[in-house]
Amino acid sequence: MHNNRDKNKNRPIASKLVIRPSIGSHHILRDDVQHLLIIDHECSIRFSEMQYCALRLLLAGDAVAEEYLLQEVYGEAATMIGHQTLDQLIRKIRNKLRAVGLTILPIEQSGYILVAIPESVM
């Protein structure tokens, strides 16, 4: 006898796209199951679980405090994780986003914010 878990074990997990507010002129969809962003309906970027956790917080469009990011991304281990580790994580996310015209800026003594790169800079 099989239970429901056995039947569903090999079925792909259904993804649901979530529409996020635009950032600059960029339209953003996110897929929380696959840790995926779809930018302007044409470019998709996959992130690691930790990268995606931080990115989801930044997608709200507001500045996110560094301490809050540390706590949300690393959980109980946040007290042992240095700010340098978070900076490296943010750098990896930033590198992936730069190709589609987005970046993460540090806010001195505060945290980070996700913004569009001005077209004049690209």
PDB file of N, CA and C in Angstrom:
ATOM      1  N   MET A   1       0.848  -1.192   0.000  1.00  0.00           N
ATOM      2  CA  MET A   1       0.000   0.000   0.000  1.00  0.00           C
ATOM      3  C   MET A   1       0.884   1.242   0.000  1.00  0.00           C
ATOM      4  N   HIS A   2       0.566   2.164  -0.879  1.00  0.00           N
ATOM      5  CA  HIS A   2       1.324   3.412  -0.978  1.00  0.00           C
ATOM      6  C   HIS A   2       0.548   4.528  -0.301  1.00  0.00           C
ATOM      7  N   ASN A   3       1.283   5.393   0.363  1.00  0.00           N
ATOM      8  CA  ASN A   3       0.614   6.568   0.906  1.00  0.00           C
ATOM      9  C   ASN A   3       0.750   7.721  -0.091  1.00  0.00           C
ATOM     10  N   ASN A   4       0.117   8.835   0.183  1.00  0.00           N
ATOM     11  CA  ASN A   4       0.146   9.980  -0.737  1.00  0.00           C
ATOM     12  C   ASN A   4       1.553  10.519  -0.953  1.00  0.00           C
ATOM     13  N   ARG A   5       2.378  10.413   0.046  1.00  0.00           N
ATOM     14  CA  ARG A   5       3.742  10.917  -0.090  1.00  0.00           C
ATOM     15  C   ARG A   5       4.494  10.131  -1.161  1.00  0.00           C
ATOM     16  N   ASP A   6       4.283   8.817  -1.202  1.00  0.00           N
ATOM     17  CA  ASP A   6       4.953   8.002  -2.209  1.00  0.00           C
ATOM     18  C   ASP A   6       4.486   8.369  -3.616  1.00  0.00           C
ATOM     19  N   LYS A   7       3.195   8.626  -3.771  1.00  0.00           N
ATOM     20  CA  LYS A   7       2.653   8.985  -5.080  1.00  0.00           C
ATOM     21  C   LYS A   7       3.224  10.309  -5.565  1.00  0.00           C
ATOM     22  N   ASN A   8       3.416  11.247  -4.666  1.00  0.00           N
ATOM     23  CA  ASN A   8       3.850  12.588  -5.034  1.00  0.00           C
ATOM     24  C   ASN A   8       5.364  12.745  -5.048  1.00  0.00           C
ATOM     25  N   LYS A   9       6.064  11.725  -4.640  1.00  0.00           N
ATOM     26  CA  LYS A   9       7.511  11.822  -4.473  1.00  0.00           C
ATOM     27  C   LYS A   9       8.235  12.226  -5.756  1.00  0.00           C
ATOM     28  N   ASN A  10       7.828  11.662  -6.883  1.00  0.00           N
ATOM     29  CA  ASN A  10       8.521  11.946  -8.136  1.00  0.00           C
ATOM     30  C   ASN A  10       7.864  13.028  -8.982  1.00  0.00           C
ATOM     31  N   ARG A  11       6.786  13.579  -8.498  1.00  0.00           N
ATOM     32  CA  ARG A  11       6.124  14.647  -9.240  1.00  0.00           C
ATOM     33  C   ARG A  11       6.860  15.954  -9.024  1.00  0.00           C
ATOM     34  N   PRO A  12       7.028  16.740 -10.084  1.00  0.00           N
ATOM     35  CA  PRO A  12       7.677  18.040  -9.883  1.00  0.00           C
ATOM     36  C   PRO A  12       6.811  18.936  -9.010  1.00  0.00           C
ATOM     37  N   ILE A  13       7.463  19.751  -8.237  1.00  0.00           N
ATOM     38  CA  ILE A  13       6.757  20.694  -7.372  1.00  0.00           C
ATOM     39  C   ILE A  13       6.251  21.842  -8.235  1.00  0.00           C
ATOM     40  N   ALA A  14       4.971  22.151  -8.106  1.00  0.00           N
ATOM     41  CA  ALA A  14       4.390  23.238  -8.891  1.00  0.00           C
ATOM     42  C   ALA A  14       4.924  24.573  -8.396  1.00  0.00           C
ATOM     43  N   SER A  15       5.359  25.376  -9.324  1.00  0.00           N
ATOM     44  CA  SER A  15       5.873  26.691  -8.980  1.00  0.00           C
ATOM     45  C   SER A  15       4.784  27.728  -9.193  1.00  0.00           C
ATOM     46  N   LYS A  16       4.839  28.749  -8.399  1.00  0.00           N
ATOM     47  CA  LYS A  16       3.885  29.836  -8.524  1.00  0.00           C
ATOM     48  C   LYS A  16       4.684  31.130  -8.622  1.00  0.00           C
ATOM     49  N   LEU A  17       4.471  31.869  -9.689  1.00  0.00           N
ATOM     50  CA  LEU A  17       5.180  33.130  -9.867  1.00  0.00           C
ATOM     51  C   LEU A  17       4.483  34.223  -9.066  1.00  0.00           C
ATOM     52  N   VAL A  18       5.287  35.005  -8.375  1.00  0.00           N
ATOM     53  CA  VAL A  18       4.792  36.112  -7.569  1.00  0.00           C
ATOM     54  C   VAL A  18       5.268  37.404  -8.216  1.00  0.00           C
ATOM     55  N   ILE A  19       4.339  38.306  -8.471  1.00  0.00           N
ATOM     56  CA  ILE A  19       4.683  39.597  -9.064  1.00  0.00           C
ATOM     57  C   ILE A  19       5.196  40.514  -7.974  1.00  0.00           C
ATOM     58  N   ARG A  20       6.333  41.134  -8.214  1.00  0.00           N
ATOM     59  CA  ARG A  20       6.922  42.092  -7.280  1.00  0.00           C
ATOM     60  C   ARG A  20       6.780  43.488  -7.857  1.00  0.00           C
ATOM     61  N   PRO A  21       6.800  44.498  -7.009  1.00  0.00           N
ATOM     62  CA  PRO A  21       6.789  45.866  -7.537  1.00  0.00           C
ATOM     63  C   PRO A  21       7.999  46.079  -8.446  1.00  0.00           C
ATOM     64  N   SER A  22       7.806  46.887  -9.466  1.00  0.00           N
ATOM     65  CA  SER A  22       8.910  47.194 -10.380  1.00  0.00           C
ATOM     66  C   SER A  22      10.026  47.891  -9.630  1.00  0.00           C
ATOM     67  N   ILE A  23      11.233  47.673 -10.113  1.00  0.00           N
ATOM     68  CA  ILE A  23      12.399  48.394  -9.598  1.00  0.00           C
ATOM     69  C   ILE A  23      12.956  49.151 -10.786  1.00  0.00           C
ATOM     70  N   GLY A  24      12.875  50.472 -10.715  1.00  0.00           N
ATOM     71  CA  GLY A  24      13.204  51.274 -11.888  1.00  0.00           C
ATOM     72  C   GLY A  24      12.221  50.897 -12.984  1.00  0.00           C
ATOM     73  N   SER A  25      12.726  50.597 -14.166  1.00  0.00           N
ATOM     74  CA  SER A  25      11.853  50.193 -15.273  1.00  0.00           C
ATOM     75  C   SER A  25      11.749  48.674 -15.392  1.00  0.00           C
ATOM     76  N   HIS A  26      12.304  47.950 -14.448  1.00  0.00           N
ATOM     77  CA  HIS A  26      12.350  46.489 -14.521  1.00  0.00           C
ATOM     78  C   HIS A  26      11.146  45.839 -13.844  1.00  0.00           C
ATOM     79  N   HIS A  27      10.472  44.973 -14.600  1.00  0.00           N
ATOM     80  CA  HIS A  27       9.360  44.193 -14.074  1.00  0.00           C
ATOM     81  C   HIS A  27       9.925  42.887 -13.538  1.00  0.00           C
ATOM     82  N   ILE A  28       9.503  42.528 -12.348  1.00  0.00           N
ATOM     83  CA  ILE A  28      10.112  41.380 -11.671  1.00  0.00           C
ATOM     84  C   ILE A  28       9.051  40.382 -11.229  1.00  0.00           C
ATOM     85  N   LEU A  29       9.309  39.121 -11.566  1.00  0.00           N
ATOM     86  CA  LEU A  29       8.525  38.002 -11.063  1.00  0.00           C
ATOM     87  C   LEU A  29       9.481  37.136 -10.265  1.00  0.00           C
ATOM     88  N   ARG A  30       8.964  36.482  -9.226  1.00  0.00           N
ATOM     89  CA  ARG A  30       9.828  35.582  -8.468  1.00  0.00           C
ATOM     90  C   ARG A  30       9.152  34.233  -8.318  1.00  0.00           C
ATOM     91  N   ASP A  31       9.964  33.208  -8.245  1.00  0.00           N
ATOM     92  CA  ASP A  31       9.506  31.836  -8.050  1.00  0.00           C
ATOM     93  C   ASP A  31      10.175  31.332  -6.774  1.00  0.00           C
ATOM     94  N   ASP A  32       9.405  31.273  -5.695  1.00  0.00           N
ATOM     95  CA  ASP A  32       9.967  30.918  -4.392  1.00  0.00           C
ATOM     96  C   ASP A  32      10.361  29.445  -4.295  1.00  0.00           C
ATOM     97  N   VAL A  33       9.773  28.598  -5.099  1.00  0.00           N
ATOM     98  CA  VAL A  33      10.094  27.177  -5.061  1.00  0.00           C
ATOM     99  C   VAL A  33      11.451  26.915  -5.709  1.00  0.00           C
ATOM    100  N   GLN A  34      11.679  27.550  -6.859  1.00  0.00           N
ATOM    101  CA  GLN A  34      12.910  27.309  -7.604  1.00  0.00           C
ATOM    102  C   GLN A  34      14.004  28.349  -7.339  1.00  0.00           C
ATOM    103  N   HIS A  35      13.734  29.299  -6.432  1.00  0.00           N
ATOM    104  CA  HIS A  35      14.694  30.367  -6.095  1.00  0.00           C
ATOM    105  C   HIS A  35      15.116  31.102  -7.368  1.00  0.00           C
ATOM    106  N   LEU A  36      14.125  31.591  -8.087  1.00  0.00           N
ATOM    107  CA  LEU A  36      14.325  32.139  -9.413  1.00  0.00           C
ATOM    108  C   LEU A  36      13.700  33.522  -9.520  1.00  0.00           C
ATOM    109  N   LEU A  37      14.408  34.438 -10.188  1.00  0.00           N
ATOM    110  CA  LEU A  37      13.836  35.735 -10.545  1.00  0.00           C
ATOM    111  C   LEU A  37      13.704  35.779 -12.053  1.00  0.00           C
ATOM    112  N   ILE A  38      12.598  36.343 -12.505  1.00  0.00           N
ATOM    113  CA  ILE A  38      12.404  36.581 -13.934  1.00  0.00           C
ATOM    114  C   ILE A  38      12.313  38.093 -14.099  1.00  0.00           C
ATOM    115  N   ILE A  39      13.240  38.627 -14.867  1.00  0.00           N
ATOM    116  CA  ILE A  39      13.344  40.074 -15.042  1.00  0.00           C
ATOM    117  C   ILE A  39      12.837  40.455 -16.424  1.00  0.00           C
ATOM    118  N   ASP A  40      11.908  41.402 -16.467  1.00  0.00           N
ATOM    119  CA  ASP A  40      11.361  41.927 -17.718  1.00  0.00           C
ATOM    120  C   ASP A  40      10.826  40.829 -18.628  1.00  0.00           C
ATOM    121  N   HIS A  41      10.309  39.775 -18.069  1.00  0.00           N
ATOM    122  CA  HIS A  41       9.675  38.658 -18.780  1.00  0.00           C
ATOM    123  C   HIS A  41      10.607  37.952 -19.767  1.00  0.00           C
ATOM    124  N   GLU A  42      11.913  38.163 -19.655  1.00  0.00           N
ATOM    125  CA  GLU A  42      12.799  37.531 -20.630  1.00  0.00           C
ATOM    126  C   GLU A  42      14.066  36.917 -20.053  1.00  0.00           C
ATOM    127  N   CYS A  43      14.484  37.334 -18.897  1.00  0.00           N
ATOM    128  CA  CYS A  43      15.737  36.827 -18.337  1.00  0.00           C
ATOM    129  C   CYS A  43      15.467  36.210 -16.968  1.00  0.00           C
ATOM    130  N   SER A  44      15.872  34.960 -16.793  1.00  0.00           N
ATOM    131  CA  SER A  44      15.688  34.323 -15.493  1.00  0.00           C
ATOM    132  C   SER A  44      17.046  34.068 -14.847  1.00  0.00           C
ATOM    133  N   ILE A  45      17.080  34.252 -13.542  1.00  0.00           N
ATOM    134  CA  ILE A  45      18.312  34.077 -12.773  1.00  0.00           C
ATOM    135  C   ILE A  45      17.987  33.186 -11.585  1.00  0.00           C
ATOM    136  N   ARG A  46      18.763  32.120 -11.425  1.00  0.00           N
ATOM    137  CA  ARG A  46      18.582  31.200 -10.301  1.00  0.00           C
ATOM    138  C   ARG A  46      19.578  31.569  -9.192  1.00  0.00           C
ATOM    139  N   PHE A  47      19.122  31.444  -7.949  1.00  0.00           N
ATOM    140  CA  PHE A  47      19.932  31.780  -6.785  1.00  0.00           C
ATOM    141  C   PHE A  47      20.000  30.593  -5.834  1.00  0.00           C
ATOM    142  N   SER A  48      21.067  30.559  -5.033  1.00  0.00           N
ATOM    143  CA  SER A  48      21.142  29.557  -3.975  1.00  0.00           C
ATOM    144  C   SER A  48      20.074  29.894  -2.929  1.00  0.00           C
ATOM    145  N   GLU A  49      19.812  28.976  -2.042  1.00  0.00           N
ATOM    146  CA  GLU A  49      18.790  29.192  -1.023  1.00  0.00           C
ATOM    147  C   GLU A  49      19.115  30.409  -0.151  1.00  0.00           C
ATOM    148  N   MET A  50      20.357  30.539   0.271  1.00  0.00           N
ATOM    149  CA  MET A  50      20.740  31.682   1.119  1.00  0.00           C
ATOM    150  C   MET A  50      20.687  32.995   0.341  1.00  0.00           C
ATOM    151  N   GLN A  51      21.169  32.978  -0.890  1.00  0.00           N
ATOM    152  CA  GLN A  51      21.102  34.180  -1.718  1.00  0.00           C
ATOM    153  C   GLN A  51      19.650  34.608  -1.897  1.00  0.00           C
ATOM    154  N   TYR A  52      18.782  33.643  -2.169  1.00  0.00           N
ATOM    155  CA  TYR A  52      17.378  33.950  -2.420  1.00  0.00           C
ATOM    156  C   TYR A  52      16.686  34.479  -1.167  1.00  0.00           C
ATOM    157  N   CYS A  53      17.053  33.953  -0.019  1.00  0.00           N
ATOM    158  CA  CYS A  53      16.493  34.437   1.242  1.00  0.00           C
ATOM    159  C   CYS A  53      16.793  35.927   1.418  1.00  0.00           C
ATOM    160  N   ALA A  54      18.039  36.311   1.197  1.00  0.00           N
ATOM    161  CA  ALA A  54      18.423  37.726   1.311  1.00  0.00           C
ATOM    162  C   ALA A  54      17.736  38.558   0.241  1.00  0.00           C
ATOM    163  N   LEU A  55      17.697  38.030  -0.968  1.00  0.00           N
ATOM    164  CA  LEU A  55      17.105  38.766  -2.086  1.00  0.00           C
ATOM    165  C   LEU A  55      15.616  39.021  -1.875  1.00  0.00           C
ATOM    166  N   ARG A  56      14.903  38.048  -1.339  1.00  0.00           N
ATOM    167  CA  ARG A  56      13.463  38.237  -1.083  1.00  0.00           C
ATOM    168  C   ARG A  56      13.221  39.421  -0.162  1.00  0.00           C
ATOM    169  N   LEU A  57      14.071  39.588   0.833  1.00  0.00           N
ATOM    170  CA  LEU A  57      13.930  40.727   1.741  1.00  0.00           C
ATOM    171  C   LEU A  57      14.175  42.038   1.008  1.00  0.00           C
ATOM    172  N   LEU A  58      15.151  42.030   0.125  1.00  0.00           N
ATOM    173  CA  LEU A  58      15.506  43.240  -0.616  1.00  0.00           C
ATOM    174  C   LEU A  58      14.479  43.584  -1.703  1.00  0.00           C
ATOM    175  N   LEU A  59      13.745  42.609  -2.178  1.00  0.00           N
ATOM    176  CA  LEU A  59      12.762  42.836  -3.241  1.00  0.00           C
ATOM    177  C   LEU A  59      11.584  43.700  -2.803  1.00  0.00           C
ATOM    178  N   ALA A  60      11.419  43.896  -1.520  1.00  0.00           N
ATOM    179  CA  ALA A  60      10.329  44.750  -1.035  1.00  0.00           C
ATOM    180  C   ALA A  60      10.538  46.202  -1.464  1.00  0.00           C
ATOM    181  N   GLY A  61      11.775  46.548  -1.846  1.00  0.00           N
ATOM    182  CA  GLY A  61      12.049  47.897  -2.337  1.00  0.00           C
ATOM    183  C   GLY A  61      12.543  48.859  -1.284  1.00  0.00           C
ATOM    184  N   ASP A  62      12.581  48.439  -0.045  1.00  0.00           N
ATOM    185  CA  ASP A  62      13.050  49.299   1.045  1.00  0.00           C
ATOM    186  C   ASP A  62      14.450  48.873   1.469  1.00  0.00           C
ATOM    187  N   ALA A  63      15.119  49.752   2.184  1.00  0.00           N
ATOM    188  CA  ALA A  63      16.413  49.395   2.755  1.00  0.00           C
ATOM    189  C   ALA A  63      16.192  48.309   3.808  1.00  0.00           C
ATOM    190  N   VAL A  64      17.124  47.363   3.862  1.00  0.00           N
ATOM    191  CA  VAL A  64      17.042  46.277   4.831  1.00  0.00           C
ATOM    192  C   VAL A  64      18.279  46.344   5.723  1.00  0.00           C
ATOM    193  N   ALA A  65      18.056  46.381   7.019  1.00  0.00           N
ATOM    194  CA  ALA A  65      19.150  46.486   7.976  1.00  0.00           C
ATOM    195  C   ALA A  65      20.053  45.256   7.898  1.00  0.00           C
ATOM    196  N   GLU A  66      21.327  45.489   8.026  1.00  0.00           N
ATOM    197  CA  GLU A  66      22.319  44.418   7.953  1.00  0.00           C
ATOM    198  C   GLU A  66      22.063  43.347   9.026  1.00  0.00           C
ATOM    199  N   GLU A  67      21.761  43.774  10.234  1.00  0.00           N
ATOM    200  CA  GLU A  67      21.499  42.832  11.320  1.00  0.00           C
ATOM    201  C   GLU A  67      20.270  41.974  11.026  1.00  0.00           C
ATOM    202  N   TYR A  68      19.256  42.576  10.430  1.00  0.00           N
ATOM    203  CA  TYR A  68      18.043  41.829  10.085  1.00  0.00           C
ATOM    204  C   TYR A  68      18.350  40.797   8.995  1.00  0.00           C
ATOM    205  N   LEU A  69      19.127  41.198   7.987  1.00  0.00           N
ATOM    206  CA  LEU A  69      19.541  40.259   6.946  1.00  0.00           C
ATOM    207  C   LEU A  69      20.313  39.084   7.538  1.00  0.00           C
ATOM    208  N   LEU A  70      21.258  39.392   8.408  1.00  0.00           N
ATOM    209  CA  LEU A  70      22.033  38.332   9.058  1.00  0.00           C
ATOM    210  C   LEU A  70      21.118  37.335   9.774  1.00  0.00           C
ATOM    211  N   GLN A  71      20.185  37.861  10.541  1.00  0.00           N
ATOM    212  CA  GLN A  71      19.283  37.005  11.321  1.00  0.00           C
ATOM    213  C   GLN A  71      18.386  36.167  10.422  1.00  0.00           C
ATOM    214  N   GLU A  72      17.826  36.778   9.390  1.00  0.00           N
ATOM    215  CA  GLU A  72      16.898  36.062   8.512  1.00  0.00           C
ATOM    216  C   GLU A  72      17.597  35.024   7.631  1.00  0.00           C
ATOM    217  N   VAL A  73      18.799  35.334   7.179  1.00  0.00           N
ATOM    218  CA  VAL A  73      19.521  34.423   6.282  1.00  0.00           C
ATOM    219  C   VAL A  73      20.188  33.296   7.056  1.00  0.00           C
ATOM    220  N   TYR A  74      20.820  33.624   8.178  1.00  0.00           N
ATOM    221  CA  TYR A  74      21.626  32.635   8.896  1.00  0.00           C
ATOM    222  C   TYR A  74      20.968  32.094  10.156  1.00  0.00           C
ATOM    223  N   GLY A  75      19.827  32.645  10.558  1.00  0.00           N
ATOM    224  CA  GLY A  75      19.098  32.135  11.716  1.00  0.00           C
ATOM    225  C   GLY A  75      19.926  32.187  12.989  1.00  0.00           C
ATOM    226  N   GLU A  76      19.900  31.106  13.741  1.00  0.00           N
ATOM    227  CA  GLU A  76      20.602  31.047  15.023  1.00  0.00           C
ATOM    228  C   GLU A  76      22.108  31.196  14.871  1.00  0.00           C
ATOM    229  N   ALA A  77      22.624  30.851  13.707  1.00  0.00           N
ATOM    230  CA  ALA A  77      24.070  30.961  13.474  1.00  0.00           C
ATOM    231  C   ALA A  77      24.505  32.404  13.236  1.00  0.00           C
ATOM    232  N   ALA A  78      23.552  33.327  13.132  1.00  0.00           N
ATOM    233  CA  ALA A  78      23.875  34.732  12.812  1.00  0.00           C
ATOM    234  C   ALA A  78      24.857  35.339  13.810  1.00  0.00           C
ATOM    235  N   THR A  79      24.779  34.938  15.070  1.00  0.00           N
ATOM    236  CA  THR A  79      25.672  35.516  16.077  1.00  0.00           C
ATOM    237  C   THR A  79      27.124  35.111  15.846  1.00  0.00           C
ATOM    238  N   MET A  80      27.328  33.974  15.142  1.00  0.00           N
ATOM    239  CA  MET A  80      28.692  33.516  14.872  1.00  0.00           C
ATOM    240  C   MET A  80      29.161  33.899  13.461  1.00  0.00           C
ATOM    241  N   ILE A  81      28.243  34.396  12.650  1.00  0.00           N
ATOM    242  CA  ILE A  81      28.573  34.775  11.271  1.00  0.00           C
ATOM    243  C   ILE A  81      29.003  36.236  11.273  1.00  0.00           C
ATOM    244  N   GLY A  82      30.103  36.519  10.659  1.00  0.00           N
ATOM    245  CA  GLY A  82      30.573  37.902  10.596  1.00  0.00           C
ATOM    246  C   GLY A  82      29.908  38.676   9.473  1.00  0.00           C
ATOM    247  N   HIS A  83      29.979  39.973   9.578  1.00  0.00           N
ATOM    248  CA  HIS A  83      29.418  40.847   8.545  1.00  0.00           C
ATOM    249  C   HIS A  83      30.125  40.619   7.210  1.00  0.00           C
ATOM    250  N   GLN A  84      31.366  40.189   7.264  1.00  0.00           N
ATOM    251  CA  GLN A  84      32.125  39.925   6.047  1.00  0.00           C
ATOM    252  C   GLN A  84      31.479  38.798   5.234  1.00  0.00           C
ATOM    253  N   THR A  85      30.930  37.800   5.911  1.00  0.00           N
ATOM    254  CA  THR A  85      30.246  36.696   5.240  1.00  0.00           C
ATOM    255  C   THR A  85      28.995  37.196   4.537  1.00  0.00           C
ATOM    256  N   LEU A  86      28.247  38.079   5.201  1.00  0.00           N
ATOM    257  CA  LEU A  86      27.066  38.670   4.573  1.00  0.00           C
ATOM    258  C   LEU A  86      27.483  39.516   3.378  1.00  0.00           C
ATOM    259  N   ASP A  87      28.548  40.281   3.509  1.00  0.00           N
ATOM    260  CA  ASP A  87      29.043  41.095   2.390  1.00  0.00           C
ATOM    261  C   ASP A  87      29.379  40.225   1.182  1.00  0.00           C
ATOM    262  N   GLN A  88      29.968  39.057   1.417  1.00  0.00           N
ATOM    263  CA  GLN A  88      30.299  38.136   0.325  1.00  0.00           C
ATOM    264  C   GLN A  88      29.035  37.602  -0.335  1.00  0.00           C
ATOM    265  N   LEU A  89      28.030  37.288   0.467  1.00  0.00           N
ATOM    266  CA  LEU A  89      26.758  36.813  -0.070  1.00  0.00           C
ATOM    267  C   LEU A  89      26.112  37.890  -0.942  1.00  0.00           C
ATOM    268  N   ILE A  90      26.090  39.116  -0.446  1.00  0.00           N
ATOM    269  CA  ILE A  90      25.514  40.239  -1.193  1.00  0.00           C
ATOM    270  C   ILE A  90      26.289  40.458  -2.491  1.00  0.00           C
ATOM    271  N   ARG A  91      27.604  40.341  -2.444  1.00  0.00           N
ATOM    272  CA  ARG A  91      28.435  40.505  -3.643  1.00  0.00           C
ATOM    273  C   ARG A  91      28.058  39.476  -4.713  1.00  0.00           C
ATOM    274  N   LYS A  92      27.828  38.233  -4.307  1.00  0.00           N
ATOM    275  CA  LYS A  92      27.443  37.184  -5.259  1.00  0.00           C
ATOM    276  C   LYS A  92      26.086  37.488  -5.897  1.00  0.00           C
ATOM    277  N   ILE A  93      25.145  37.963  -5.096  1.00  0.00           N
ATOM    278  CA  ILE A  93      23.828  38.337  -5.625  1.00  0.00           C
ATOM    279  C   ILE A  93      23.980  39.506  -6.593  1.00  0.00           C
ATOM    280  N   ARG A  94      24.739  40.507  -6.175  1.00  0.00           N
ATOM    281  CA  ARG A  94      24.969  41.701  -6.995  1.00  0.00           C
ATOM    282  C   ARG A  94      25.555  41.322  -8.357  1.00  0.00           C
ATOM    283  N   ASN A  95      26.515  40.402  -8.358  1.00  0.00           N
ATOM    284  CA  ASN A  95      27.139  39.978  -9.610  1.00  0.00           C
ATOM    285  C   ASN A  95      26.127  39.343 -10.564  1.00  0.00           C
ATOM    286  N   LYS A  96      25.181  38.593 -10.024  1.00  0.00           N
ATOM    287  CA  LYS A  96      24.152  37.974 -10.860  1.00  0.00           C
ATOM    288  C   LYS A  96      23.164  39.008 -11.399  1.00  0.00           C
ATOM    289  N   LEU A  97      22.855  40.020 -10.601  1.00  0.00           N
ATOM    290  CA  LEU A  97      21.853  41.011 -10.977  1.00  0.00           C
ATOM    291  C   LEU A  97      22.380  42.081 -11.941  1.00  0.00           C
ATOM    292  N   ARG A  98      23.668  42.332 -11.892  1.00  0.00           N
ATOM    293  CA  ARG A  98      24.254  43.419 -12.683  1.00  0.00           C
ATOM    294  C   ARG A  98      23.945  43.283 -14.181  1.00  0.00           C
ATOM    295  N   ALA A  99      23.943  42.068 -14.698  1.00  0.00           N
ATOM    296  CA  ALA A  99      23.708  41.835 -16.131  1.00  0.00           C
ATOM    297  C   ALA A  99      22.309  42.265 -16.577  1.00  0.00           C
ATOM    298  N   VAL A 100      21.365  42.336 -15.641  1.00  0.00           N
ATOM    299  CA  VAL A 100      19.999  42.734 -15.996  1.00  0.00           C
ATOM    300  C   VAL A 100      19.676  44.151 -15.533  1.00  0.00           C
ATOM    301  N   GLY A 101      20.689  44.901 -15.135  1.00  0.00           N
ATOM    302  CA  GLY A 101      20.481  46.306 -14.787  1.00  0.00           C
ATOM    303  C   GLY A 101      20.035  46.567 -13.364  1.00  0.00           C
ATOM    304  N   LEU A 102      20.302  45.640 -12.465  1.00  0.00           N
ATOM    305  CA  LEU A 102      19.965  45.836 -11.051  1.00  0.00           C
ATOM    306  C   LEU A 102      21.228  45.691 -10.212  1.00  0.00           C
ATOM    307  N   THR A 103      21.222  46.315  -9.056  1.00  0.00           N
ATOM    308  CA  THR A 103      22.349  46.174  -8.140  1.00  0.00           C
ATOM    309  C   THR A 103      21.865  46.341  -6.706  1.00  0.00           C
ATOM    310  N   ILE A 104      22.718  45.993  -5.788  1.00  0.00           N
ATOM    311  CA  ILE A 104      22.439  46.170  -4.367  1.00  0.00           C
ATOM    312  C   ILE A 104      23.465  47.162  -3.842  1.00  0.00           C
ATOM    313  N   LEU A 105      22.963  48.244  -3.289  1.00  0.00           N
ATOM    314  CA  LEU A 105      23.847  49.281  -2.752  1.00  0.00           C
ATOM    315  C   LEU A 105      23.915  49.183  -1.233  1.00  0.00           C
ATOM    316  N   PRO A 106      25.115  49.375  -0.696  1.00  0.00           N
ATOM    317  CA  PRO A 106      25.223  49.443   0.765  1.00  0.00           C
ATOM    318  C   PRO A 106      24.748  50.815   1.238  1.00  0.00           C
ATOM    319  N   ILE A 107      24.116  50.836   2.362  1.00  0.00           N
ATOM    320  CA  ILE A 107      23.713  52.091   2.986  1.00  0.00           C
ATOM    321  C   ILE A 107      24.545  52.208   4.244  1.00  0.00           C
ATOM    322  N   GLU A 108      25.386  53.226   4.286  1.00  0.00           N
ATOM    323  CA  GLU A 108      26.347  53.359   5.383  1.00  0.00           C
ATOM    324  C   GLU A 108      25.673  53.301   6.742  1.00  0.00           C
ATOM    325  N   GLN A 109      26.245  52.480   7.609  1.00  0.00           N
ATOM    326  CA  GLN A 109      25.777  52.293   8.986  1.00  0.00           C
ATOM    327  C   GLN A 109      24.340  51.771   9.062  1.00  0.00           C
ATOM    328  N   SER A 110      23.835  51.192   7.971  1.00  0.00           N
ATOM    329  CA  SER A 110      22.437  50.792   7.999  1.00  0.00           C
ATOM    330  C   SER A 110      22.196  49.404   7.419  1.00  0.00           C
ATOM    331  N   GLY A 111      22.481  49.217   6.146  1.00  0.00           N
ATOM    332  CA  GLY A 111      22.163  47.939   5.518  1.00  0.00           C
ATOM    333  C   GLY A 111      22.339  47.999   4.023  1.00  0.00           C
ATOM    334  N   TYR A 112      21.333  47.481   3.297  1.00  0.00           N
ATOM    335  CA  TYR A 112      21.413  47.386   1.847  1.00  0.00           C
ATOM    336  C   TYR A 112      20.065  47.715   1.221  1.00  0.00           C
ATOM    337  N   ILE A 113      20.120  48.129  -0.055  1.00  0.00           N
ATOM    338  CA  ILE A 113      18.901  48.377  -0.822  1.00  0.00           C
ATOM    339  C   ILE A 113      19.117  47.912  -2.264  1.00  0.00           C
ATOM    340  N   LEU A 114      18.063  47.330  -2.844  1.00  0.00           N
ATOM    341  CA  LEU A 114      18.084  46.873  -4.230  1.00  0.00           C
ATOM    342  C   LEU A 114      17.578  48.003  -5.106  1.00  0.00           C
ATOM    343  N   VAL A 115      18.353  48.359  -6.136  1.00  0.00           N
ATOM    344  CA  VAL A 115      17.985  49.466  -7.014  1.00  0.00           C
ATOM    345  C   VAL A 115      18.313  49.125  -8.467  1.00  0.00           C
ATOM    346  N   ALA A 116      17.722  49.891  -9.372  1.00  0.00           N
ATOM    347  CA  ALA A 116      18.068  49.779 -10.791  1.00  0.00           C
ATOM    348  C   ALA A 116      19.328  50.588 -11.051  1.00  0.00           C
ATOM    349  N   ILE A 117      20.176  50.059 -11.918  1.00  0.00           N
ATOM    350  CA  ILE A 117      21.374  50.792 -12.326  1.00  0.00           C
ATOM    351  C   ILE A 117      20.932  51.806 -13.375  1.00  0.00           C
ATOM    352  N   PRO A 118      21.272  53.083 -13.190  1.00  0.00           N
ATOM    353  CA  PRO A 118      20.893  54.076 -14.215  1.00  0.00           C
ATOM    354  C   PRO A 118      21.462  53.687 -15.578  1.00  0.00           C
ATOM    355  N   GLU A 119      20.651  53.860 -16.630  1.00  0.00           N
ATOM    356  CA  GLU A 119      21.067  53.471 -17.966  1.00  0.00           C
ATOM    357  C   GLU A 119      22.343  54.189 -18.412  1.00  0.00           C
ATOM    358  N   SER A 120      22.565  55.384 -17.907  1.00  0.00           N
ATOM    359  CA  SER A 120      23.777  56.134 -18.278  1.00  0.00           C
ATOM    360  C   SER A 120      25.045  55.475 -17.751  1.00  0.00           C
ATOM    361  N   VAL A 121      24.909  54.633 -16.730  1.00  0.00           N
ATOM    362  CA  VAL A 121      26.063  53.958 -16.134  1.00  0.00           C
ATOM    363  C   VAL A 121      26.330  52.641 -16.836  1.00  0.00           C
ATOM    364  N   MET A 122      25.290  52.024 -17.385  1.00  0.00           N
ATOM    365  CA  MET A 122      25.426  50.691 -17.994  1.00  0.00           C
ATOM    366  C   MET A 122      26.154  50.721 -19.299  1.00  0.00           C
TER     367      MET A 122
END
